[in-house]
Protein backbone atom coordinates (compact mmCIF):
# COMPACT_ATOMS: atom_id res chain seq x y z
CA MET A 1 -13.18 7.91 -7.27
CA ARG A 2 -14.04 4.69 -5.33
CA VAL A 3 -13.02 4.09 -1.66
CA GLY A 4 -12.74 0.59 -0.11
CA LEU A 5 -12.37 -0.18 3.35
CA GLY A 6 -10.40 -3.57 4.67
CA VAL A 7 -10.36 -5.05 8.08
CA ASP A 8 -8.29 -8.24 9.02
CA VAL A 9 -7.60 -9.85 12.43
CA HIS A 10 -5.35 -12.76 13.08
CA ARG A 11 -4.38 -14.32 16.44
CA PHE A 12 -0.69 -15.23 17.53
CA GLY A 13 0.19 -19.02 17.27
CA GLY A 14 1.28 -19.53 13.65
CA ASP A 15 4.82 -20.33 12.52
CA PRO A 16 7.31 -17.39 12.61
CA PRO A 17 8.05 -14.70 11.24
CA LEU A 18 5.44 -12.12 11.54
CA LEU A 19 4.83 -10.28 8.39
CA LEU A 20 3.30 -7.00 7.96
CA GLY A 21 3.04 -5.62 4.35
CA GLY A 22 5.43 -8.38 3.17
CA VAL A 23 8.13 -6.97 5.69
CA THR A 24 9.19 -9.20 8.68
CA VAL A 25 8.60 -7.36 12.03
CA ASP A 26 9.05 -10.14 14.52
CA GLU A 27 11.17 -13.38 13.77
CA ARG A 28 10.03 -15.03 17.02
CA ARG A 29 6.32 -14.93 16.71
CA GLY A 30 3.83 -15.59 13.88
CA LEU A 31 0.12 -15.24 13.28
CA GLU A 32 -2.26 -18.20 12.54
CA GLY A 33 -3.64 -18.10 9.08
CA THR A 34 -4.15 -20.33 6.09
CA SER A 35 -1.55 -18.13 3.98
CA ASP A 36 1.31 -16.36 5.52
CA ALA A 37 -1.15 -14.57 7.69
CA ASP A 38 0.09 -11.24 6.70
CA VAL A 39 -2.86 -9.44 8.32
CA LEU A 40 -1.93 -5.88 6.67
CA ALA A 41 -1.66 -7.16 3.51
CA HIS A 42 -5.01 -8.93 3.77
CA ALA A 43 -6.75 -5.71 4.99
CA VAL A 44 -5.20 -3.79 1.99
CA THR A 45 -6.47 -6.59 -0.52
CA ASP A 46 -9.92 -6.41 0.86
CA ALA A 47 -9.88 -2.49 0.66
CA VAL A 48 -8.84 -2.71 -3.16
CA LEU A 49 -11.42 -5.34 -3.76
CA GLY A 50 -14.12 -3.47 -1.97
CA ALA A 51 -13.40 -0.22 -3.78
CA ALA A 52 -13.56 -2.05 -7.06
CA ALA A 53 -16.66 -3.68 -5.89
CA LEU A 54 -15.13 -7.15 -6.76
CA GLY A 55 -16.03 -8.95 -3.57
CA ASP A 56 -13.70 -9.96 -0.81
CA MET A 57 -10.62 -12.08 -0.19
CA GLY A 58 -12.87 -15.03 0.72
CA ASP A 59 -14.22 -14.86 -2.82
CA HIS A 60 -11.07 -14.94 -4.73
CA PHE A 61 -8.65 -16.57 -2.05
CA PRO A 62 -10.81 -18.97 -0.10
CA SER A 63 -9.20 -20.33 3.11
CA SER A 64 -11.05 -23.83 2.32
CA ASP A 65 -8.82 -24.06 -0.93
CA PRO A 66 -5.47 -25.88 -0.34
CA ARG A 67 -3.50 -23.94 -2.83
CA TRP A 68 -3.66 -20.94 -0.69
CA ALA A 69 -2.03 -22.67 2.18
CA GLY A 70 1.20 -20.79 3.17
CA ALA A 71 0.62 -18.48 0.10
CA ASP A 72 2.42 -15.07 -0.23
CA SER A 73 -0.18 -12.32 0.79
CA MET A 74 1.60 -9.85 -1.15
CA GLU A 75 1.10 -12.04 -4.39
CA MET A 76 -2.73 -11.92 -3.48
CA LEU A 77 -2.55 -8.12 -3.07
CA ALA A 78 -0.90 -7.87 -6.65
CA SER A 79 -3.57 -10.07 -7.92
CA ALA A 80 -6.27 -7.75 -6.53
CA VAL A 81 -4.64 -4.68 -7.92
CA ALA A 82 -4.58 -6.52 -11.38
CA MET A 83 -8.29 -7.43 -11.02
CA ALA A 84 -9.10 -3.83 -10.24
CA ALA A 85 -7.15 -2.74 -13.27
CA GLY A 86 -9.08 -5.33 -15.35
CA ALA A 87 -12.46 -3.50 -14.30
CA GLY A 88 -10.86 -0.23 -15.51
CA LEU A 89 -9.88 1.14 -12.04
CA CYS A 90 -6.23 2.27 -10.80
CA LEU A 91 -5.16 2.28 -7.33
CA VAL A 92 -4.56 5.96 -6.26
CA SER A 93 -3.53 5.76 -2.44
CA LEU A 94 -3.54 3.34 0.65
CA ASP A 95 -3.89 4.26 4.23
CA VAL A 96 -3.18 1.47 6.72
CA THR A 97 -3.49 1.36 10.43
CA VAL A 98 -2.14 -1.65 12.47
CA VAL A 99 -3.70 -2.36 15.80
CA ALA A 100 -1.45 -4.36 18.25
CA GLU A 101 -0.10 -4.18 21.91
CA ARG A 102 3.57 -5.01 21.52
CA VAL A 103 4.33 -5.46 17.67
CA ARG A 104 6.15 -2.22 16.70
CA VAL A 105 5.70 -0.92 13.28
CA ALA A 106 7.53 2.35 13.63
CA PRO A 107 10.99 0.69 12.86
CA HIS A 108 9.58 -0.92 9.73
CA ARG A 109 7.32 1.77 8.43
CA ALA A 110 9.71 2.79 5.49
CA ALA A 111 10.12 -0.73 4.45
CA ILE A 112 6.49 -1.45 4.69
CA ARG A 113 5.40 1.53 2.48
CA SER A 114 8.11 0.71 0.11
CA ARG A 115 7.01 -2.88 -0.35
CA LEU A 116 3.23 -1.90 -0.25
CA GLY A 117 3.92 0.88 -2.97
CA ALA A 118 6.06 -1.63 -5.28
CA VAL A 119 3.40 -4.46 -5.27
CA ALA A 120 0.42 -1.92 -5.53
CA GLY A 121 2.19 -0.06 -8.23
CA ILE A 122 1.79 3.60 -6.67
CA PRO A 123 4.26 5.83 -5.43
CA VAL A 124 5.52 5.48 -1.77
CA SER A 125 4.44 9.14 -1.30
CA ALA A 126 0.86 7.67 -1.85
CA VAL A 127 1.09 5.05 0.93
CA SER A 128 0.41 5.64 4.69
CA VAL A 129 1.16 3.18 7.33
CA LYS A 130 0.26 3.97 11.07
CA ALA A 131 -0.10 1.89 14.08
CA THR A 132 -1.88 2.10 17.41
CA SER A 133 -2.49 0.12 20.44
CA THR A 134 -5.80 -0.59 22.49
CA ASP A 135 -4.17 0.40 25.79
CA GLY A 136 -4.58 -3.14 27.18
CA LEU A 137 -8.02 -3.55 26.31
CA GLY A 138 -9.72 -6.77 24.76
CA PHE A 139 -7.73 -9.52 23.07
CA LEU A 140 -5.58 -7.25 21.08
CA GLY A 141 -4.64 -5.47 24.13
CA ASP A 142 -3.99 -8.87 25.87
CA ASP A 143 -1.29 -9.26 22.95
CA ARG A 144 -3.26 -12.17 21.66
CA GLY A 145 -3.37 -11.03 17.88
CA VAL A 146 -2.88 -8.21 15.47
CA ALA A 147 -5.43 -6.27 13.63
CA ALA A 148 -5.27 -4.10 10.63
CA LEU A 149 -7.55 -1.65 8.79
CA ALA A 150 -7.03 -0.22 5.43
CA VAL A 151 -8.50 2.36 3.13
CA ALA A 152 -8.05 2.19 -0.63
CA VAL A 153 -8.78 4.96 -3.02
CA LEU A 154 -9.25 3.98 -6.74
CA ARG A 155 -10.02 6.08 -9.74
CA GLU A 156 -11.41 5.20 -12.99
CA GLY A 157 -9.04 5.15 -15.96
């Protein structure tokens, strides 16, 4: 078994909508980023790449490359899963935590789990999506951005 950890943070200020795991969770606000700024998808992508020892998103999808401007982050995740498969590794499970003060994950949890499972090629029962706040502490607590942490488990074969 292999385990990878992914972390990503984006500030508010980009064009709406705000996406988490390919699902619109806020139509009025957006996050800044080169791609669609899906902070959850980025954390999961880095977790998959890390578990496969294939580097990180910056290696494969550099923000300096204009072809990633506005890119669909879920397509990047699908690419990372395919890269891991090419290295002989199969994704087994995902565990994700979103850290935000006002963004509400609970109403969208089932849709996010379903979308992640479909794109990653694993059953929804192997996808966990949680959320927490910082109780007003720091820039996340000031509602200036959103962070996500992800753990991916891969197995050989």
